[in-house]
Amino acid sequence: MGFLRVPALCLLLLIMPLLLLPGSEGETCTEFSKTYTTFYCSKDACVEHCHGEGFTEGECRMISFNPIMIRCFCEKPC
């Protein structure tokens, strides 16, 4: 009986990481920065304002091509 348990245990150990990975990353909430409202978005200033608003990250993203608009988006785990 011990002979059958070893392959089953090995299979379980190989499958477990695959089952845990998809649910390990949570949702990310994204919002416009409420305090950084300039038309020229600077990465460092955007991150600083997002941290001040309680978010973990900030990045500049283009939201319109005509006219070109780049806004500061703040992100945090939901």
Foldseek 3Di string as FASTA:
>chain_A
DVVVVVVVVVVCVVCVVVVPPVPPDADKDKDFQPPDDDQDDDQVVLQVSLVVVVARHKDWDFDDVVVTGITIMGMHGD
